[in-house]
């Protein structure tokens, strides 16, 4: 039987790593990106540049592949839905639509008795005043925004300023007494069929992931509950592929879901070196209908994100045999831009 050709929408570092993982299992990839210099063009079998709303480009892409996945969630639903009419899109477009919006995402979690921080929809300045009980808190745009973009810390009403664009909708999330952050990466192949990685502990700087390690230093209760909630989420969504659930743990050992990422995730990069099957390979296997392999941790590991100018230092370094350097080959170095990462395994 011929292997399917997999289309990947998005040409960033996740698209690059998905393309690399696909080669391991003899799957050819076609990457569609609206960036002519997208790093994934260095790793995929075929690269198509064009705007996502360009019907001619979409037709060329669809005709080049057998099925489609994506590396980021902010692709307009109508585009994914249109593609899905002729070629299967996994995860399903309606899942992406649900999770693209922070309000519908939080409502979905709470409806399923999964605890989040307290939150409210904010459409104008007065609604922040009406929800003063949620301060100090974080104001986030309901759509778009990642790595701290479109987010404002509000300790009190005094912090409301003209930088906040109230033509957009926001949610206001109450701060908790944070102890640590963890994530669960899970890959679902079908009903009650999944591979799940143990909790990964994460540290953020300026709301950008800086450091991850596995295993996370958490209680057995937290390990069990975080995995159970991740399983519940993928089953409820009828999800196919790799998904990440980000969690907060407060000083009283309460667990909260922060966000769901319907894709492979930055905190799971270390699985390339720590496990026999990475989050990327599992995603390729799941969406392409390949065999599910028992996923096992081989090494404890930690990962350091290389942000902005960090990359210039690492490009000239010599590494030890337990250190693995990944350069995303982005042409332009920008502040707060993820340029690469280093994974260190414990042998």
C-alpha atoms as a PDB file:
ATOM      1  CA  UNK A   1       0.000   0.000   0.000  1.00  0.00           C
ATOM      2  CA  UNK A   2       1.333   3.457  -0.925  1.00  0.00           C
ATOM      3  CA  UNK A   3       2.027   5.819   1.938  1.00  0.00           C
ATOM      4  CA  UNK A   4      -0.122   8.979   1.938  1.00  0.00           C
ATOM      5  CA  UNK A   5       1.382  12.374   1.130  1.00  0.00           C
ATOM      6  CA  UNK A   6       0.817  14.655   4.102  1.00  0.00           C
ATOM      7  CA  UNK A   7       0.095  18.351   3.705  1.00  0.00           C
ATOM      8  CA  UNK A   8       1.235  20.620   6.539  1.00  0.00           C
ATOM      9  CA  UNK A   9      -0.140  24.145   6.831  1.00  0.00           C
ATOM     10  CA  UNK A  10       2.467  26.406   8.392  1.00  0.00           C
ATOM     11  CA  UNK A  11       6.203  26.462   7.803  1.00  0.00           C
ATOM     12  CA  UNK A  12       7.691  27.359  11.190  1.00  0.00           C
ATOM     13  CA  UNK A  13       9.805  25.189  13.475  1.00  0.00           C
ATOM     14  CA  UNK A  14       6.893  22.836  14.221  1.00  0.00           C
ATOM     15  CA  UNK A  15       6.348  22.284  10.501  1.00  0.00           C
ATOM     16  CA  UNK A  16      10.075  21.602  10.154  1.00  0.00           C
ATOM     17  CA  UNK A  17      10.073  19.009  12.935  1.00  0.00           C
ATOM     18  CA  UNK A  18       6.908  17.349  11.618  1.00  0.00           C
ATOM     19  CA  UNK A  19       8.554  17.095   8.185  1.00  0.00           C
ATOM     20  CA  UNK A  20      11.671  15.532   9.726  1.00  0.00           C
ATOM     21  CA  UNK A  21       9.583  13.052  11.737  1.00  0.00           C
ATOM     22  CA  UNK A  22       7.628  12.122   8.596  1.00  0.00           C
ATOM     23  CA  UNK A  23      10.861  11.091   6.842  1.00  0.00           C
ATOM     24  CA  UNK A  24      11.499   8.557   9.623  1.00  0.00           C
ATOM     25  CA  UNK A  25       8.295   6.721   8.690  1.00  0.00           C
ATOM     26  CA  UNK A  26       8.607   7.216   4.901  1.00  0.00           C
ATOM     27  CA  UNK A  27       5.853   9.816   4.638  1.00  0.00           C
ATOM     28  CA  UNK A  28       6.351  12.575   2.071  1.00  0.00           C
ATOM     29  CA  UNK A  29       5.275  16.077   3.120  1.00  0.00           C
ATOM     30  CA  UNK A  30       4.124  19.222   1.335  1.00  0.00           C
ATOM     31  CA  UNK A  31       4.319  22.420   3.375  1.00  0.00           C
ATOM     32  CA  UNK A  32       2.112  25.425   2.634  1.00  0.00           C
ATOM     33  CA  UNK A  33       3.286  28.704   4.164  1.00  0.00           C
ATOM     34  CA  UNK A  34       2.579  32.400   3.740  1.00  0.00           C
ATOM     35  CA  UNK A  35       6.253  33.107   4.531  1.00  0.00           C
ATOM     36  CA  UNK A  36       8.585  32.700   1.522  1.00  0.00           C
ATOM     37  CA  UNK A  37      11.513  32.138   3.905  1.00  0.00           C
ATOM     38  CA  UNK A  38       9.712  29.647   6.180  1.00  0.00           C
ATOM     39  CA  UNK A  39      12.265  27.326   7.831  1.00  0.00           C
ATOM     40  CA  UNK A  40      10.241  24.209   6.934  1.00  0.00           C
ATOM     41  CA  UNK A  41      11.206  24.658   3.264  1.00  0.00           C
ATOM     42  CA  UNK A  42      14.582  23.197   4.330  1.00  0.00           C
ATOM     43  CA  UNK A  43      12.991  19.968   5.594  1.00  0.00           C
ATOM     44  CA  UNK A  44       9.907  19.187   3.502  1.00  0.00           C
ATOM     45  CA  UNK A  45       9.688  17.295   0.201  1.00  0.00           C
ATOM     46  CA  UNK A  46       7.762  20.135  -1.455  1.00  0.00           C
ATOM     47  CA  UNK A  47       7.220  23.741  -0.409  1.00  0.00           C
ATOM     48  CA  UNK A  48       4.353  25.946  -1.583  1.00  0.00           C
ATOM     49  CA  UNK A  49       4.400  29.652  -0.821  1.00  0.00           C
ATOM     50  CA  UNK A  50       1.202  31.655  -0.902  1.00  0.00           C
ATOM     51  CA  UNK A  51      -1.481  33.407   1.098  1.00  0.00           C
ATOM     52  CA  UNK A  52      -3.935  31.131   2.863  1.00  0.00           C
ATOM     53  CA  UNK A  53      -6.922  32.939   1.321  1.00  0.00           C
ATOM     54  CA  UNK A  54      -5.588  32.476  -2.234  1.00  0.00           C
ATOM     55  CA  UNK A  55      -7.900  29.849  -3.753  1.00  0.00           C
ATOM     56  CA  UNK A  56      -5.436  29.051  -6.557  1.00  0.00           C
ATOM     57  CA  UNK A  57      -2.679  28.314  -4.028  1.00  0.00           C
ATOM     58  CA  UNK A  58      -5.037  26.264  -1.831  1.00  0.00           C
ATOM     59  CA  UNK A  59      -6.104  24.232  -4.893  1.00  0.00           C
ATOM     60  CA  UNK A  60      -2.462  23.552  -5.792  1.00  0.00           C
ATOM     61  CA  UNK A  61      -1.782  22.473  -2.204  1.00  0.00           C
ATOM     62  CA  UNK A  62      -4.860  20.231  -1.952  1.00  0.00           C
ATOM     63  CA  UNK A  63      -4.065  18.557  -5.278  1.00  0.00           C
ATOM     64  CA  UNK A  64      -0.535  17.766  -4.037  1.00  0.00           C
ATOM     65  CA  UNK A  65      -1.581  15.839  -0.904  1.00  0.00           C
ATOM     66  CA  UNK A  66      -3.756  13.017   0.401  1.00  0.00           C
ATOM     67  CA  UNK A  67      -4.554  14.528   3.803  1.00  0.00           C
ATOM     68  CA  UNK A  68      -3.762  17.671   5.779  1.00  0.00           C
ATOM     69  CA  UNK A  69      -2.590  18.704   9.249  1.00  0.00           C
ATOM     70  CA  UNK A  70      -1.339  22.023  10.600  1.00  0.00           C
ATOM     71  CA  UNK A  71       1.375  23.400  12.866  1.00  0.00           C
ATOM     72  CA  UNK A  72      -0.485  26.376  14.364  1.00  0.00           C
ATOM     73  CA  UNK A  73      -4.085  26.947  15.393  1.00  0.00           C
ATOM     74  CA  UNK A  74      -4.758  30.445  14.045  1.00  0.00           C
ATOM     75  CA  UNK A  75      -5.703  29.348  10.542  1.00  0.00           C
ATOM     76  CA  UNK A  76      -9.169  30.678   9.579  1.00  0.00           C
ATOM     77  CA  UNK A  77     -11.813  27.989  10.083  1.00  0.00           C
ATOM     78  CA  UNK A  78     -13.373  28.573   6.659  1.00  0.00           C
ATOM     79  CA  UNK A  79     -10.092  27.664   4.943  1.00  0.00           C
ATOM     80  CA  UNK A  80      -9.635  24.424   6.908  1.00  0.00           C
ATOM     81  CA  UNK A  81     -13.313  23.572   6.418  1.00  0.00           C
ATOM     82  CA  UNK A  82     -13.088  24.098   2.659  1.00  0.00           C
ATOM     83  CA  UNK A  83      -9.979  21.896   2.417  1.00  0.00           C
ATOM     84  CA  UNK A  84     -11.726  19.251   4.539  1.00  0.00           C
ATOM     85  CA  UNK A  85     -14.439  18.888   1.878  1.00  0.00           C
ATOM     86  CA  UNK A  86     -11.930  17.290  -0.506  1.00  0.00           C
ATOM     87  CA  UNK A  87      -9.058  16.098   1.704  1.00  0.00           C
ATOM     88  CA  UNK A  88      -9.292  15.016   5.326  1.00  0.00           C
ATOM     89  CA  UNK A  89      -7.985  17.625   7.805  1.00  0.00           C
ATOM     90  CA  UNK A  90      -6.732  16.335  11.160  1.00  0.00           C
ATOM     91  CA  UNK A  91      -7.279  17.489  13.847  1.00  0.00           C
ATOM     92  CA  UNK A  92     -10.822  18.301  12.667  1.00  0.00           C
ATOM     93  CA  UNK A  93     -11.410  21.965  11.715  1.00  0.00           C
ATOM     94  CA  UNK A  94     -14.234  22.373  14.269  1.00  0.00           C
ATOM     95  CA  UNK A  95     -11.780  21.477  17.065  1.00  0.00           C
ATOM     96  CA  UNK A  96      -9.470  24.204  15.858  1.00  0.00           C
ATOM     97  CA  UNK A  97     -12.378  26.642  15.731  1.00  0.00           C
ATOM     98  CA  UNK A  98     -13.318  25.844  19.340  1.00  0.00           C
ATOM     99  CA  UNK A  99      -9.784  26.240  20.680  1.00  0.00           C
ATOM    100  CA  UNK A 100      -8.915  29.334  18.602  1.00  0.00           C
ATOM    101  CA  UNK A 101     -11.189  31.315  20.893  1.00  0.00           C
ATOM    102  CA  UNK A 102     -10.109  31.469  24.532  1.00  0.00           C
ATOM    103  CA  UNK A 103     -13.686  31.996  25.716  1.00  0.00           C
ATOM    104  CA  UNK A 104     -15.161  28.946  23.932  1.00  0.00           C
ATOM    105  CA  UNK A 105     -12.113  26.931  25.033  1.00  0.00           C
ATOM    106  CA  UNK A 106     -12.603  27.876  28.712  1.00  0.00           C
ATOM    107  CA  UNK A 107     -16.363  27.293  28.477  1.00  0.00           C
ATOM    108  CA  UNK A 108     -15.740  23.827  26.962  1.00  0.00           C
ATOM    109  CA  UNK A 109     -13.397  22.888  29.814  1.00  0.00           C
ATOM    110  CA  UNK A 110     -15.718  24.082  32.543  1.00  0.00           C
ATOM    111  CA  UNK A 111     -18.704  22.356  30.942  1.00  0.00           C
ATOM    112  CA  UNK A 112     -16.708  19.119  31.259  1.00  0.00           C
ATOM    113  CA  UNK A 113     -15.905  19.775  34.951  1.00  0.00           C
ATOM    114  CA  UNK A 114     -12.264  20.555  34.220  1.00  0.00           C
ATOM    115  CA  UNK A 115     -11.109  23.399  36.434  1.00  0.00           C
ATOM    116  CA  UNK A 116      -9.687  26.630  35.027  1.00  0.00           C
ATOM    117  CA  UNK A 117      -8.866  29.918  36.695  1.00  0.00           C
ATOM    118  CA  UNK A 118     -11.881  32.248  37.127  1.00  0.00           C
ATOM    119  CA  UNK A 119     -12.528  34.330  34.028  1.00  0.00           C
ATOM    120  CA  UNK A 120     -14.932  36.736  32.333  1.00  0.00           C
ATOM    121  CA  UNK A 121     -15.539  38.027  28.809  1.00  0.00           C
ATOM    122  CA  UNK A 122     -14.431  41.668  28.471  1.00  0.00           C
ATOM    123  CA  UNK A 123     -15.687  43.891  25.632  1.00  0.00           C
ATOM    124  CA  UNK A 124     -14.899  47.330  27.055  1.00  0.00           C
ATOM    125  CA  UNK A 125     -13.180  49.174  29.885  1.00  0.00           C
ATOM    126  CA  UNK A 126     -16.327  49.257  32.048  1.00  0.00           C
ATOM    127  CA  UNK A 127     -16.565  45.468  32.023  1.00  0.00           C
ATOM    128  CA  UNK A 128     -13.125  45.291  33.642  1.00  0.00           C
ATOM    129  CA  UNK A 129     -14.486  47.537  36.417  1.00  0.00           C
ATOM    130  CA  UNK A 130     -17.539  45.272  36.724  1.00  0.00           C
ATOM    131  CA  UNK A 131     -15.169  42.307  37.202  1.00  0.00           C
ATOM    132  CA  UNK A 132     -12.737  43.950  39.606  1.00  0.00           C
ATOM    133  CA  UNK A 133     -12.930  40.784  41.729  1.00  0.00           C
ATOM    134  CA  UNK A 134     -10.779  39.109  39.017  1.00  0.00           C
ATOM    135  CA  UNK A 135      -7.886  41.500  39.661  1.00  0.00           C
ATOM    136  CA  UNK A 136      -4.992  41.054  39.816  1.00  0.00           C
ATOM    137  CA  UNK A 137      -5.360  39.177  36.564  1.00  0.00           C
ATOM    138  CA  UNK A 138      -4.303  38.754  32.959  1.00  0.00           C
ATOM    139  CA  UNK A 139      -6.250  40.335  30.120  1.00  0.00           C
ATOM    140  CA  UNK A 140      -5.913  38.260  26.914  1.00  0.00           C
ATOM    141  CA  UNK A 141      -7.401  38.717  23.464  1.00  0.00           C
ATOM    142  CA  UNK A 142      -9.993  35.973  22.871  1.00  0.00           C
ATOM    143  CA  UNK A 143      -8.341  35.117  19.548  1.00  0.00           C
ATOM    144  CA  UNK A 144      -4.782  35.211  18.226  1.00  0.00           C
ATOM    145  CA  UNK A 145      -1.947  36.208  20.522  1.00  0.00           C
ATOM    146  CA  UNK A 146       0.768  33.819  21.676  1.00  0.00           C
ATOM    147  CA  UNK A 147       4.076  34.049  23.529  1.00  0.00           C
ATOM    148  CA  UNK A 148       2.704  37.013  25.502  1.00  0.00           C
ATOM    149  CA  UNK A 149       1.332  38.930  22.491  1.00  0.00           C
ATOM    150  CA  UNK A 150      -2.093  40.527  23.045  1.00  0.00           C
ATOM    151  CA  UNK A 151      -1.804  40.081  26.817  1.00  0.00           C
ATOM    152  CA  UNK A 152      -1.821  42.684  29.587  1.00  0.00           C
ATOM    153  CA  UNK A 153      -1.103  42.203  33.289  1.00  0.00           C
ATOM    154  CA  UNK A 154      -3.589  44.173  35.383  1.00  0.00           C
ATOM    155  CA  UNK A 155      -2.834  44.404  39.075  1.00  0.00           C
ATOM    156  CA  UNK A 156      -5.580  46.967  39.623  1.00  0.00           C
ATOM    157  CA  UNK A 157      -7.896  49.272  37.666  1.00  0.00           C
ATOM    158  CA  UNK A 158      -5.048  51.813  37.511  1.00  0.00           C
ATOM    159  CA  UNK A 159      -3.252  49.543  35.008  1.00  0.00           C
ATOM    160  CA  UNK A 160      -5.956  49.980  32.339  1.00  0.00           C
ATOM    161  CA  UNK A 161      -4.318  52.155  29.671  1.00  0.00           C
ATOM    162  CA  UNK A 162      -4.615  53.315  26.065  1.00  0.00           C
ATOM    163  CA  UNK A 163      -2.421  50.428  24.835  1.00  0.00           C
ATOM    164  CA  UNK A 164      -5.441  48.132  25.210  1.00  0.00           C
ATOM    165  CA  UNK A 165      -7.400  48.070  21.956  1.00  0.00           C
ATOM    166  CA  UNK A 166     -11.038  47.658  22.919  1.00  0.00           C
ATOM    167  CA  UNK A 167     -12.122  47.027  19.331  1.00  0.00           C
ATOM    168  CA  UNK A 168     -11.030  43.478  20.231  1.00  0.00           C
ATOM    169  CA  UNK A 169     -12.677  41.084  22.675  1.00  0.00           C
ATOM    170  CA  UNK A 170     -10.745  39.849  25.698  1.00  0.00           C
ATOM    171  CA  UNK A 171     -11.037  37.479  28.569  1.00  0.00           C
ATOM    172  CA  UNK A 172      -9.852  38.510  32.010  1.00  0.00           C
ATOM    173  CA  UNK A 173      -8.334  35.624  33.986  1.00  0.00           C
ATOM    174  CA  UNK A 174      -7.760  35.888  37.703  1.00  0.00           C
ATOM    175  CA  UNK A 175      -4.195  35.244  38.842  1.00  0.00           C
ATOM    176  CA  UNK A 176      -3.625  32.311  41.155  1.00  0.00           C
ATOM    177  CA  UNK A 177      -0.904  31.867  43.745  1.00  0.00           C
ATOM    178  CA  UNK A 178       1.253  30.000  41.232  1.00  0.00           C
ATOM    179  CA  UNK A 179       3.618  27.263  42.360  1.00  0.00           C
ATOM    180  CA  UNK A 180       4.607  25.834  38.974  1.00  0.00           C
ATOM    181  CA  UNK A 181       3.502  25.146  35.420  1.00  0.00           C
ATOM    182  CA  UNK A 182       3.374  21.755  33.726  1.00  0.00           C
ATOM    183  CA  UNK A 183       2.153  20.362  30.431  1.00  0.00           C
ATOM    184  CA  UNK A 184       0.844  17.025  29.251  1.00  0.00           C
ATOM    185  CA  UNK A 185       1.504  15.973  25.659  1.00  0.00           C
ATOM    186  CA  UNK A 186      -0.911  13.305  24.470  1.00  0.00           C
ATOM    187  CA  UNK A 187      -1.398  11.687  21.060  1.00  0.00           C
ATOM    188  CA  UNK A 188      -4.770  10.075  20.321  1.00  0.00           C
ATOM    189  CA  UNK A 189      -5.051   7.462  17.572  1.00  0.00           C
ATOM    190  CA  UNK A 190      -8.723   6.631  18.074  1.00  0.00           C
ATOM    191  CA  UNK A 191     -11.297   5.767  20.727  1.00  0.00           C
ATOM    192  CA  UNK A 192      -9.379   5.135  24.002  1.00  0.00           C
ATOM    193  CA  UNK A 193      -6.204   4.630  21.944  1.00  0.00           C
ATOM    194  CA  UNK A 194      -3.455   7.049  22.817  1.00  0.00           C
ATOM    195  CA  UNK A 195       0.150   7.546  23.816  1.00  0.00           C
ATOM    196  CA  UNK A 196       0.681   9.935  26.698  1.00  0.00           C
ATOM    197  CA  UNK A 197       3.893  11.470  27.978  1.00  0.00           C
ATOM    198  CA  UNK A 198       4.412  12.077  31.671  1.00  0.00           C
ATOM    199  CA  UNK A 199       4.104  15.662  32.956  1.00  0.00           C
ATOM    200  CA  UNK A 200       6.703  18.131  31.693  1.00  0.00           C
ATOM    201  CA  UNK A 201       7.679  21.005  33.995  1.00  0.00           C
ATOM    202  CA  UNK A 202       7.928  24.425  32.360  1.00  0.00           C
ATOM    203  CA  UNK A 203       9.407  27.814  33.217  1.00  0.00           C
ATOM    204  CA  UNK A 204       8.390  30.950  31.315  1.00  0.00           C
ATOM    205  CA  UNK A 205      10.187  34.282  30.984  1.00  0.00           C
ATOM    206  CA  UNK A 206       8.234  37.280  29.632  1.00  0.00           C
ATOM    207  CA  UNK A 207       5.385  34.810  28.992  1.00  0.00           C
ATOM    208  CA  UNK A 208       7.575  32.830  26.567  1.00  0.00           C
ATOM    209  CA  UNK A 209       8.600  29.249  27.365  1.00  0.00           C
ATOM    210  CA  UNK A 210      12.264  29.264  28.377  1.00  0.00           C
ATOM    211  CA  UNK A 211      12.938  25.891  30.003  1.00  0.00           C
ATOM    212  CA  UNK A 212      11.251  22.479  30.138  1.00  0.00           C
ATOM    213  CA  UNK A 213      12.218  19.295  31.940  1.00  0.00           C
ATOM    214  CA  UNK A 214      10.965  15.746  32.202  1.00  0.00           C
ATOM    215  CA  UNK A 215      10.060  14.360  34.649  1.00  0.00           C
ATOM    216  CA  UNK A 216       8.249  17.209  36.357  1.00  0.00           C
ATOM    217  CA  UNK A 217       8.708  17.435  40.103  1.00  0.00           C
ATOM    218  CA  UNK A 218       5.059  17.012  41.063  1.00  0.00           C
ATOM    219  CA  UNK A 219       3.008  14.813  43.376  1.00  0.00           C
ATOM    220  CA  UNK A 220       1.529  11.512  42.280  1.00  0.00           C
ATOM    221  CA  UNK A 221      -1.941  13.075  42.672  1.00  0.00           C
ATOM    222  CA  UNK A 222      -1.057  15.823  40.172  1.00  0.00           C
ATOM    223  CA  UNK A 223       0.477  13.280  37.764  1.00  0.00           C
ATOM    224  CA  UNK A 224      -2.681  11.189  37.763  1.00  0.00           C
ATOM    225  CA  UNK A 225      -5.151  14.083  37.562  1.00  0.00           C
ATOM    226  CA  UNK A 226      -3.299  15.923  34.771  1.00  0.00           C
ATOM    227  CA  UNK A 227      -3.170  12.757  32.664  1.00  0.00           C
ATOM    228  CA  UNK A 228      -6.844  11.994  33.311  1.00  0.00           C
ATOM    229  CA  UNK A 229      -7.913  15.489  32.278  1.00  0.00           C
ATOM    230  CA  UNK A 230      -5.792  15.270  29.112  1.00  0.00           C
ATOM    231  CA  UNK A 231      -7.422  11.942  28.222  1.00  0.00           C
ATOM    232  CA  UNK A 232     -10.872  13.384  28.938  1.00  0.00           C
ATOM    233  CA  UNK A 233     -10.185  16.374  26.660  1.00  0.00           C
ATOM    234  CA  UNK A 234      -9.007  14.320  23.654  1.00  0.00           C
ATOM    235  CA  UNK A 235     -11.901  11.868  24.017  1.00  0.00           C
ATOM    236  CA  UNK A 236     -14.507  14.634  24.321  1.00  0.00           C
ATOM    237  CA  UNK A 237     -13.070  16.344  21.220  1.00  0.00           C
ATOM    238  CA  UNK A 238     -12.733  13.043  19.306  1.00  0.00           C
ATOM    239  CA  UNK A 239      -9.235  14.300  18.593  1.00  0.00           C
ATOM    240  CA  UNK A 240      -6.740  12.627  16.249  1.00  0.00           C
ATOM    241  CA  UNK A 241      -3.073  13.569  16.564  1.00  0.00           C
ATOM    242  CA  UNK A 242      -0.866  15.187  19.185  1.00  0.00           C
ATOM    243  CA  UNK A 243      -2.322  17.745  21.574  1.00  0.00           C
ATOM    244  CA  UNK A 244      -0.831  19.589  24.540  1.00  0.00           C
ATOM    245  CA  UNK A 245      -2.616  20.677  27.708  1.00  0.00           C
ATOM    246  CA  UNK A 246      -0.913  23.402  29.741  1.00  0.00           C
ATOM    247  CA  UNK A 247      -1.596  23.429  33.487  1.00  0.00           C
ATOM    248  CA  UNK A 248      -1.076  25.685  36.499  1.00  0.00           C
ATOM    249  CA  UNK A 249      -0.463  24.295  39.991  1.00  0.00           C
ATOM    250  CA  UNK A 250      -1.080  26.674  42.891  1.00  0.00           C
ATOM    251  CA  UNK A 251       0.603  26.797  46.297  1.00  0.00           C
ATOM    252  CA  UNK A 252      -2.232  24.655  47.728  1.00  0.00           C
ATOM    253  CA  UNK A 253      -1.614  21.907  45.147  1.00  0.00           C
ATOM    254  CA  UNK A 254      -4.759  22.728  43.172  1.00  0.00           C
ATOM    255  CA  UNK A 255      -4.590  21.937  39.451  1.00  0.00           C
ATOM    256  CA  UNK A 256      -5.990  24.217  36.732  1.00  0.00           C
ATOM    257  CA  UNK A 257      -5.984  23.923  32.954  1.00  0.00           C
ATOM    258  CA  UNK A 258      -4.479  27.071  31.447  1.00  0.00           C
ATOM    259  CA  UNK A 259      -4.733  26.383  27.702  1.00  0.00           C
ATOM    260  CA  UNK A 260      -5.088  23.624  25.129  1.00  0.00           C
ATOM    261  CA  UNK A 261      -2.811  23.591  22.069  1.00  0.00           C
ATOM    262  CA  UNK A 262      -4.375  21.456  19.278  1.00  0.00           C
ATOM    263  CA  UNK A 263      -0.993  20.537  17.818  1.00  0.00           C
ATOM    264  CA  UNK A 264       2.531  19.474  18.716  1.00  0.00           C
ATOM    265  CA  UNK A 265       3.941  21.806  21.361  1.00  0.00           C
ATOM    266  CA  UNK A 266       7.160  23.597  22.292  1.00  0.00           C
ATOM    267  CA  UNK A 267       7.345  21.878  25.693  1.00  0.00           C
ATOM    268  CA  UNK A 268       7.357  18.502  23.922  1.00  0.00           C
ATOM    269  CA  UNK A 269      10.477  19.196  21.832  1.00  0.00           C
ATOM    270  CA  UNK A 270      12.588  17.249  24.321  1.00  0.00           C
ATOM    271  CA  UNK A 271      10.676  14.064  23.415  1.00  0.00           C
ATOM    272  CA  UNK A 272      12.797  13.894  20.219  1.00  0.00           C
ATOM    273  CA  UNK A 273      15.737  12.860  22.412  1.00  0.00           C
ATOM    274  CA  UNK A 274      14.105  11.589  25.607  1.00  0.00           C
ATOM    275  CA  UNK A 275      11.706   9.006  24.121  1.00  0.00           C
ATOM    276  CA  UNK A 276      11.723   6.193  21.575  1.00  0.00           C
ATOM    277  CA  UNK A 277       8.879   7.964  19.728  1.00  0.00           C
ATOM    278  CA  UNK A 278       8.690  11.773  19.726  1.00  0.00           C
ATOM    279  CA  UNK A 279       5.525  13.867  19.889  1.00  0.00           C
ATOM    280  CA  UNK A 280       6.115  14.661  16.200  1.00  0.00           C
ATOM    281  CA  UNK A 281       6.407  11.053  15.050  1.00  0.00           C
ATOM    282  CA  UNK A 282       3.346  10.101  17.087  1.00  0.00           C
ATOM    283  CA  UNK A 283       1.386  12.907  15.423  1.00  0.00           C
ATOM    284  CA  UNK A 284       2.443  11.729  11.945  1.00  0.00           C
ATOM    285  CA  UNK A 285       1.560   8.134  12.848  1.00  0.00           C
ATOM    286  CA  UNK A 286      -1.875   9.103  14.199  1.00  0.00           C
ATOM    287  CA  UNK A 287      -3.032  11.391  11.394  1.00  0.00           C
ATOM    288  CA  UNK A 288      -1.658   9.090   8.657  1.00  0.00           C
ATOM    289  CA  UNK A 289      -3.249   5.957  10.180  1.00  0.00           C
ATOM    290  CA  UNK A 290       0.074   4.231  10.829  1.00  0.00           C
ATOM    291  CA  UNK A 291       0.846   1.719  13.565  1.00  0.00           C
ATOM    292  CA  UNK A 292       0.757   2.967  17.152  1.00  0.00           C
ATOM    293  CA  UNK A 293       4.008   2.114  18.925  1.00  0.00           C
ATOM    294  CA  UNK A 294       4.308   1.898  22.702  1.00  0.00           C
ATOM    295  CA  UNK A 295       6.023   5.144  23.664  1.00  0.00           C
ATOM    296  CA  UNK A 296       8.686   4.850  26.343  1.00  0.00           C
ATOM    297  CA  UNK A 297      10.993   7.334  28.016  1.00  0.00           C
ATOM    298  CA  UNK A 298      14.648   6.434  27.499  1.00  0.00           C
ATOM    299  CA  UNK A 299      16.227   9.426  29.269  1.00  0.00           C
ATOM    300  CA  UNK A 300      15.281  12.192  31.619  1.00  0.00           C
ATOM    301  CA  UNK A 301      15.830  15.462  29.777  1.00  0.00           C
ATOM    302  CA  UNK A 302      15.670  19.207  29.852  1.00  0.00           C
ATOM    303  CA  UNK A 303      15.225  21.710  27.051  1.00  0.00           C
ATOM    304  CA  UNK A 304      16.305  25.354  26.817  1.00  0.00           C
ATOM    305  CA  UNK A 305      14.622  27.613  24.271  1.00  0.00           C
ATOM    306  CA  UNK A 306      17.050  29.854  22.393  1.00  0.00           C
ATOM    307  CA  UNK A 307      15.313  33.184  22.009  1.00  0.00           C
ATOM    308  CA  UNK A 308      16.501  36.138  19.935  1.00  0.00           C
ATOM    309  CA  UNK A 309      20.245  36.706  20.075  1.00  0.00           C
ATOM    310  CA  UNK A 310      20.799  33.521  22.147  1.00  0.00           C
ATOM    311  CA  UNK A 311      21.111  31.673  18.843  1.00  0.00           C
ATOM    312  CA  UNK A 312      24.315  33.468  17.770  1.00  0.00           C
ATOM    313  CA  UNK A 313      26.179  32.137  20.812  1.00  0.00           C
ATOM    314  CA  UNK A 314      24.965  28.570  20.280  1.00  0.00           C
ATOM    315  CA  UNK A 315      25.752  28.539  16.558  1.00  0.00           C
ATOM    316  CA  UNK A 316      29.434  28.797  17.507  1.00  0.00           C
ATOM    317  CA  UNK A 317      29.456  26.400  20.449  1.00  0.00           C
ATOM    318  CA  UNK A 318      30.830  22.887  20.754  1.00  0.00           C
ATOM    319  CA  UNK A 319      28.410  20.459  22.352  1.00  0.00           C
ATOM    320  CA  UNK A 320      28.808  17.449  24.630  1.00  0.00           C
ATOM    321  CA  UNK A 321      27.545  14.049  23.521  1.00  0.00           C
ATOM    322  CA  UNK A 322      24.412  14.412  25.698  1.00  0.00           C
ATOM    323  CA  UNK A 323      23.569  17.856  24.241  1.00  0.00           C
ATOM    324  CA  UNK A 324      21.476  18.264  21.079  1.00  0.00           C
ATOM    325  CA  UNK A 325      21.326  21.638  19.369  1.00  0.00           C
ATOM    326  CA  UNK A 326      18.464  22.512  17.013  1.00  0.00           C
ATOM    327  CA  UNK A 327      18.755  25.603  14.829  1.00  0.00           C
ATOM    328  CA  UNK A 328      15.389  26.540  13.295  1.00  0.00           C
ATOM    329  CA  UNK A 329      17.234  28.253  10.395  1.00  0.00           C
ATOM    330  CA  UNK A 330      15.133  31.403  10.634  1.00  0.00           C
ATOM    331  CA  UNK A 331      16.694  34.080   8.460  1.00  0.00           C
ATOM    332  CA  UNK A 332      15.942  37.022  10.718  1.00  0.00           C
ATOM    333  CA  UNK A 333      16.863  37.211  14.397  1.00  0.00           C
ATOM    334  CA  UNK A 334      14.247  39.117  16.396  1.00  0.00           C
ATOM    335  CA  UNK A 335      13.838  39.786  20.109  1.00  0.00           C
ATOM    336  CA  UNK A 336      11.391  37.326  21.729  1.00  0.00           C
ATOM    337  CA  UNK A 337      11.537  35.085  18.637  1.00  0.00           C
ATOM    338  CA  UNK A 338      12.214  31.371  19.135  1.00  0.00           C
ATOM    339  CA  UNK A 339      15.342  30.706  17.081  1.00  0.00           C
ATOM    340  CA  UNK A 340      16.282  27.209  18.223  1.00  0.00           C
ATOM    341  CA  UNK A 341      16.554  24.968  21.258  1.00  0.00           C
ATOM    342  CA  UNK A 342      19.040  22.816  23.148  1.00  0.00           C
ATOM    343  CA  UNK A 343      18.060  19.487  24.676  1.00  0.00           C
ATOM    344  CA  UNK A 344      20.222  17.873  27.347  1.00  0.00           C
ATOM    345  CA  UNK A 345      19.633  14.233  28.189  1.00  0.00           C
ATOM    346  CA  UNK A 346      20.666  12.488  31.413  1.00  0.00           C
ATOM    347  CA  UNK A 347      22.484   9.284  30.523  1.00  0.00           C
END
